[in-house]
Amino acid sequence: MVNMLATRLPELRAAVPFYGSRRRRSTRWRRSRRAVLPMFADEDERINATWPAYDAALKAAGVRYAAFRYPGTQHGFNNDTTPRYDANAAKLAWQRTLAFFNQELRG
C-alpha cells in the first residue's frame, strides 16, 4: 500500500514501506520526488525476490532511498500481534523510521 501511495500522491514527500514489493508499473516512480526507506525481513523470499527490480526502478527514477534488511526476521516482524514479531528489530526499524521522517519532513 505504501509503495502504491508513494507513486500516486504527489504531495507525499517521504514513505517507509515495510516488507513491500515494488509497484508493477515502476514508471510511476519517474514522477516521484520522494524519499523512500524500505524495510525488509531477512527471511521473506517472496518479497525479497522483488528487490532487484524495485532497487533498479528507484535508481532509474532518481528517488532518494536507503533500504534495511533485518537479520533473522520474518515477514511481519514489526507486527506485535503475530508470533513473527521481533521486538529488537521492530524497535530499531521504528527508530530509523522516526529519524527518516524527521530528516525528510522537518529538516
N, C-alpha and C. Protein backbone atom coordinates (compact mmCIF):
# COMPACT_ATOMS: atom_id res chain seq x y z
N MET A 1 0.82 -1.19 0.00
CA MET A 1 0.00 0.00 0.00
C MET A 1 0.87 1.26 0.00
N VAL A 2 1.92 1.26 0.81
CA VAL A 2 2.77 2.45 0.90
C VAL A 2 3.42 2.74 -0.45
N ASN A 3 3.91 1.70 -1.13
CA ASN A 3 4.52 1.94 -2.44
C ASN A 3 3.51 2.50 -3.43
N MET A 4 2.29 2.00 -3.41
CA MET A 4 1.27 2.50 -4.32
C MET A 4 0.99 3.98 -4.03
N LEU A 5 0.81 4.32 -2.77
CA LEU A 5 0.54 5.71 -2.42
C LEU A 5 1.72 6.61 -2.77
N ALA A 6 2.93 6.12 -2.58
CA ALA A 6 4.12 6.92 -2.88
C ALA A 6 4.24 7.24 -4.37
N THR A 7 3.67 6.41 -5.20
CA THR A 7 3.74 6.68 -6.64
C THR A 7 2.54 7.46 -7.15
N ARG A 8 1.50 7.57 -6.33
CA ARG A 8 0.27 8.22 -6.81
C ARG A 8 -0.07 9.54 -6.14
N LEU A 9 0.47 9.81 -4.99
CA LEU A 9 0.13 11.04 -4.28
C LEU A 9 1.28 12.05 -4.41
N PRO A 10 1.13 13.05 -5.24
CA PRO A 10 2.23 13.98 -5.47
C PRO A 10 2.66 14.75 -4.22
N GLU A 11 1.75 14.93 -3.27
CA GLU A 11 2.10 15.67 -2.06
C GLU A 11 2.87 14.83 -1.03
N LEU A 12 2.94 13.53 -1.23
CA LEU A 12 3.65 12.66 -0.30
C LEU A 12 5.16 12.83 -0.52
N ARG A 13 5.86 13.26 0.53
CA ARG A 13 7.29 13.54 0.39
C ARG A 13 8.19 12.43 0.90
N ALA A 14 7.68 11.57 1.75
CA ALA A 14 8.51 10.51 2.32
C ALA A 14 7.64 9.29 2.60
N ALA A 15 8.22 8.11 2.42
CA ALA A 15 7.47 6.86 2.61
C ALA A 15 8.37 5.80 3.21
N VAL A 16 7.80 4.98 4.10
CA VAL A 16 8.53 3.88 4.72
C VAL A 16 7.72 2.61 4.55
N PRO A 17 7.93 1.89 3.44
CA PRO A 17 7.22 0.62 3.26
C PRO A 17 7.90 -0.51 4.04
N PHE A 18 7.10 -1.27 4.76
CA PHE A 18 7.61 -2.44 5.47
C PHE A 18 7.27 -3.67 4.66
N TYR A 19 8.27 -4.47 4.36
CA TYR A 19 8.16 -5.73 3.61
C TYR A 19 7.21 -5.61 2.42
N GLY A 20 7.41 -4.57 1.66
CA GLY A 20 6.58 -4.36 0.48
C GLY A 20 7.36 -4.62 -0.79
N SER A 21 6.67 -5.08 -1.80
CA SER A 21 7.33 -5.30 -3.09
C SER A 21 7.11 -4.07 -3.97
N ARG A 22 7.84 -4.00 -5.03
CA ARG A 22 7.74 -2.84 -5.91
C ARG A 22 6.40 -2.81 -6.61
N ARG A 23 6.02 -1.63 -7.03
CA ARG A 23 4.81 -1.47 -7.82
C ARG A 23 5.05 -2.08 -9.19
N ARG A 24 4.06 -2.71 -9.75
CA ARG A 24 4.23 -3.33 -11.07
C ARG A 24 4.57 -2.32 -12.13
N ARG A 25 3.96 -1.16 -12.04
CA ARG A 25 4.26 -0.12 -13.02
C ARG A 25 5.31 0.81 -12.44
N SER A 26 6.55 0.40 -12.50
CA SER A 26 7.62 1.17 -11.88
C SER A 26 7.82 2.53 -12.55
N THR A 27 7.24 2.75 -13.73
CA THR A 27 7.39 4.03 -14.39
C THR A 27 6.77 5.15 -13.56
N ARG A 28 5.83 4.83 -12.70
CA ARG A 28 5.24 5.87 -11.86
C ARG A 28 6.27 6.51 -10.94
N TRP A 29 7.34 5.80 -10.63
CA TRP A 29 8.39 6.39 -9.81
C TRP A 29 9.03 7.56 -10.53
N ARG A 30 8.94 7.62 -11.84
CA ARG A 30 9.55 8.72 -12.58
C ARG A 30 8.94 10.05 -12.21
N ARG A 31 7.69 10.03 -11.81
CA ARG A 31 7.03 11.27 -11.40
C ARG A 31 7.30 11.59 -9.94
N SER A 32 8.02 10.74 -9.27
CA SER A 32 8.20 10.85 -7.84
C SER A 32 9.46 11.62 -7.48
N ARG A 33 9.32 12.52 -6.54
CA ARG A 33 10.48 13.20 -5.96
C ARG A 33 10.50 12.91 -4.45
N ARG A 34 10.16 11.69 -4.14
CA ARG A 34 10.05 11.32 -2.76
C ARG A 34 11.35 10.69 -2.25
N ALA A 35 11.40 10.57 -0.95
CA ALA A 35 12.44 9.79 -0.30
C ALA A 35 11.75 8.54 0.23
N VAL A 36 12.41 7.41 0.09
CA VAL A 36 11.80 6.13 0.47
C VAL A 36 12.78 5.35 1.35
N LEU A 37 12.25 4.72 2.38
CA LEU A 37 13.05 3.92 3.30
C LEU A 37 12.43 2.53 3.43
N PRO A 38 12.69 1.63 2.46
CA PRO A 38 12.10 0.29 2.53
C PRO A 38 12.72 -0.54 3.67
N MET A 39 11.87 -1.28 4.35
CA MET A 39 12.28 -2.18 5.44
C MET A 39 11.91 -3.61 5.05
N PHE A 40 12.88 -4.50 5.14
CA PHE A 40 12.66 -5.89 4.72
C PHE A 40 13.01 -6.87 5.83
N ALA A 41 12.27 -7.95 5.88
CA ALA A 41 12.61 -9.07 6.75
C ALA A 41 13.67 -9.90 6.03
N ASP A 42 14.58 -10.45 6.78
CA ASP A 42 15.66 -11.24 6.19
C ASP A 42 15.13 -12.53 5.56
N GLU A 43 14.17 -13.16 6.21
CA GLU A 43 13.64 -14.44 5.74
C GLU A 43 12.25 -14.23 5.12
N ASP A 44 12.24 -13.63 3.95
CA ASP A 44 11.00 -13.31 3.25
C ASP A 44 11.26 -13.44 1.74
N GLU A 45 11.38 -14.68 1.30
CA GLU A 45 11.80 -14.95 -0.07
C GLU A 45 10.94 -14.28 -1.13
N ARG A 46 9.64 -14.33 -0.97
CA ARG A 46 8.74 -13.77 -1.99
C ARG A 46 8.97 -12.27 -2.16
N ILE A 47 9.01 -11.54 -1.07
CA ILE A 47 9.20 -10.08 -1.14
C ILE A 47 10.64 -9.74 -1.54
N ASN A 48 11.59 -10.41 -0.94
CA ASN A 48 12.99 -10.09 -1.22
C ASN A 48 13.38 -10.39 -2.67
N ALA A 49 12.68 -11.33 -3.30
CA ALA A 49 12.96 -11.63 -4.71
C ALA A 49 12.61 -10.45 -5.61
N THR A 50 11.75 -9.57 -5.15
CA THR A 50 11.37 -8.40 -5.96
C THR A 50 12.34 -7.23 -5.78
N TRP A 51 13.24 -7.31 -4.81
CA TRP A 51 14.12 -6.18 -4.51
C TRP A 51 14.99 -5.75 -5.69
N PRO A 52 15.62 -6.62 -6.45
CA PRO A 52 16.45 -6.12 -7.55
C PRO A 52 15.69 -5.22 -8.54
N ALA A 53 14.49 -5.58 -8.90
CA ALA A 53 13.70 -4.75 -9.81
C ALA A 53 13.24 -3.46 -9.12
N TYR A 54 12.88 -3.56 -7.87
CA TYR A 54 12.47 -2.39 -7.08
C TYR A 54 13.63 -1.41 -6.98
N ASP A 55 14.79 -1.94 -6.61
CA ASP A 55 16.02 -1.15 -6.50
C ASP A 55 16.32 -0.44 -7.82
N ALA A 56 16.24 -1.17 -8.91
CA ALA A 56 16.52 -0.60 -10.24
C ALA A 56 15.52 0.50 -10.58
N ALA A 57 14.26 0.31 -10.25
CA ALA A 57 13.23 1.32 -10.54
C ALA A 57 13.48 2.60 -9.74
N LEU A 58 13.85 2.46 -8.48
CA LEU A 58 14.13 3.63 -7.66
C LEU A 58 15.35 4.38 -8.20
N LYS A 59 16.39 3.63 -8.54
CA LYS A 59 17.59 4.26 -9.10
C LYS A 59 17.29 4.97 -10.41
N ALA A 60 16.56 4.31 -11.28
CA ALA A 60 16.24 4.89 -12.59
C ALA A 60 15.43 6.18 -12.45
N ALA A 61 14.61 6.25 -11.42
CA ALA A 61 13.77 7.43 -11.22
C ALA A 61 14.46 8.52 -10.40
N GLY A 62 15.63 8.23 -9.90
CA GLY A 62 16.34 9.21 -9.09
C GLY A 62 15.74 9.42 -7.71
N VAL A 63 15.02 8.43 -7.21
CA VAL A 63 14.42 8.52 -5.88
C VAL A 63 15.52 8.35 -4.83
N ARG A 64 15.53 9.23 -3.84
CA ARG A 64 16.47 9.07 -2.73
C ARG A 64 15.95 7.95 -1.83
N TYR A 65 16.82 7.01 -1.50
CA TYR A 65 16.37 5.90 -0.66
C TYR A 65 17.54 5.23 0.03
N ALA A 66 17.21 4.53 1.09
CA ALA A 66 18.11 3.61 1.78
C ALA A 66 17.21 2.46 2.21
N ALA A 67 17.68 1.25 2.05
CA ALA A 67 16.87 0.08 2.41
C ALA A 67 17.57 -0.68 3.53
N PHE A 68 16.77 -1.27 4.40
CA PHE A 68 17.31 -2.06 5.51
C PHE A 68 16.68 -3.44 5.50
N ARG A 69 17.52 -4.42 5.76
CA ARG A 69 17.08 -5.81 5.89
C ARG A 69 17.48 -6.27 7.29
N TYR A 70 16.52 -6.79 8.04
CA TYR A 70 16.74 -7.12 9.44
C TYR A 70 17.06 -8.61 9.60
N PRO A 71 18.30 -8.93 9.99
CA PRO A 71 18.75 -10.32 10.10
C PRO A 71 17.88 -11.17 11.02
N GLY A 72 17.60 -12.38 10.57
CA GLY A 72 16.87 -13.35 11.37
C GLY A 72 15.38 -13.08 11.50
N THR A 73 14.85 -12.10 10.77
CA THR A 73 13.43 -11.76 10.90
C THR A 73 12.61 -12.37 9.77
N GLN A 74 11.31 -12.46 10.02
CA GLN A 74 10.36 -12.96 9.03
C GLN A 74 9.37 -11.85 8.67
N HIS A 75 8.68 -12.04 7.55
CA HIS A 75 7.65 -11.10 7.13
C HIS A 75 6.70 -10.87 8.31
N GLY A 76 6.46 -9.62 8.63
CA GLY A 76 5.60 -9.30 9.76
C GLY A 76 6.36 -9.04 11.05
N PHE A 77 7.68 -8.92 10.98
CA PHE A 77 8.47 -8.75 12.20
C PHE A 77 8.09 -7.50 13.00
N ASN A 78 7.46 -6.54 12.35
CA ASN A 78 7.09 -5.30 13.03
C ASN A 78 5.66 -5.34 13.58
N ASN A 79 4.96 -6.44 13.38
CA ASN A 79 3.57 -6.57 13.81
C ASN A 79 3.52 -7.34 15.13
N ASP A 80 3.23 -6.64 16.21
CA ASP A 80 3.28 -7.29 17.52
C ASP A 80 2.09 -8.19 17.82
N THR A 81 1.23 -8.42 16.85
CA THR A 81 0.10 -9.35 17.06
C THR A 81 0.37 -10.70 16.41
N THR A 82 1.57 -10.92 15.90
CA THR A 82 1.91 -12.20 15.28
C THR A 82 3.07 -12.85 16.01
N PRO A 83 3.21 -14.17 15.89
CA PRO A 83 4.36 -14.85 16.51
C PRO A 83 5.68 -14.50 15.81
N ARG A 84 5.61 -13.87 14.65
CA ARG A 84 6.82 -13.47 13.92
C ARG A 84 7.40 -12.15 14.43
N TYR A 85 6.71 -11.51 15.34
CA TYR A 85 7.15 -10.23 15.88
C TYR A 85 8.54 -10.36 16.48
N ASP A 86 9.41 -9.41 16.15
CA ASP A 86 10.76 -9.37 16.68
C ASP A 86 10.94 -8.00 17.34
N ALA A 87 10.88 -7.96 18.65
CA ALA A 87 10.90 -6.70 19.39
C ALA A 87 12.14 -5.86 19.10
N ASN A 88 13.29 -6.49 19.05
CA ASN A 88 14.53 -5.74 18.80
C ASN A 88 14.56 -5.14 17.41
N ALA A 89 14.19 -5.93 16.41
CA ALA A 89 14.18 -5.43 15.03
C ALA A 89 13.11 -4.35 14.88
N ALA A 90 11.95 -4.55 15.49
CA ALA A 90 10.88 -3.56 15.41
C ALA A 90 11.30 -2.25 16.05
N LYS A 91 11.98 -2.32 17.17
CA LYS A 91 12.44 -1.10 17.85
C LYS A 91 13.44 -0.35 16.96
N LEU A 92 14.38 -1.06 16.39
CA LEU A 92 15.37 -0.43 15.52
C LEU A 92 14.70 0.15 14.27
N ALA A 93 13.78 -0.59 13.68
CA ALA A 93 13.07 -0.10 12.50
C ALA A 93 12.28 1.16 12.83
N TRP A 94 11.65 1.21 14.00
CA TRP A 94 10.88 2.38 14.40
C TRP A 94 11.81 3.59 14.61
N GLN A 95 12.96 3.36 15.24
CA GLN A 95 13.93 4.44 15.42
C GLN A 95 14.38 5.00 14.06
N ARG A 96 14.66 4.10 13.14
CA ARG A 96 15.06 4.53 11.79
C ARG A 96 13.93 5.27 11.08
N THR A 97 12.71 4.79 11.27
CA THR A 97 11.55 5.43 10.65
C THR A 97 11.40 6.86 11.15
N LEU A 98 11.45 7.04 12.46
CA LEU A 98 11.29 8.39 13.03
C LEU A 98 12.42 9.31 12.59
N ALA A 99 13.65 8.82 12.59
CA ALA A 99 14.79 9.63 12.16
C ALA A 99 14.63 10.03 10.69
N PHE A 100 14.18 9.10 9.87
CA PHE A 100 13.97 9.36 8.44
C PHE A 100 12.91 10.43 8.24
N PHE A 101 11.76 10.29 8.91
CA PHE A 101 10.70 11.29 8.77
C PHE A 101 11.15 12.65 9.30
N ASN A 102 11.88 12.66 10.42
CA ASN A 102 12.38 13.93 10.93
C ASN A 102 13.31 14.61 9.92
N GLN A 103 14.17 13.83 9.31
CA GLN A 103 15.10 14.38 8.33
C GLN A 103 14.37 14.87 7.08
N GLU A 104 13.49 14.06 6.56
CA GLU A 104 12.82 14.38 5.29
C GLU A 104 11.70 15.39 5.41
N LEU A 105 11.03 15.42 6.54
CA LEU A 105 9.85 16.27 6.67
C LEU A 105 10.09 17.52 7.52
N ARG A 106 11.08 17.46 8.37
CA ARG A 106 11.38 18.63 9.22
C ARG A 106 12.67 19.31 8.83
N GLY A 107 13.63 18.51 8.35
CA GLY A 107 14.98 19.04 8.09
C GLY A 107 15.10 19.65 6.77
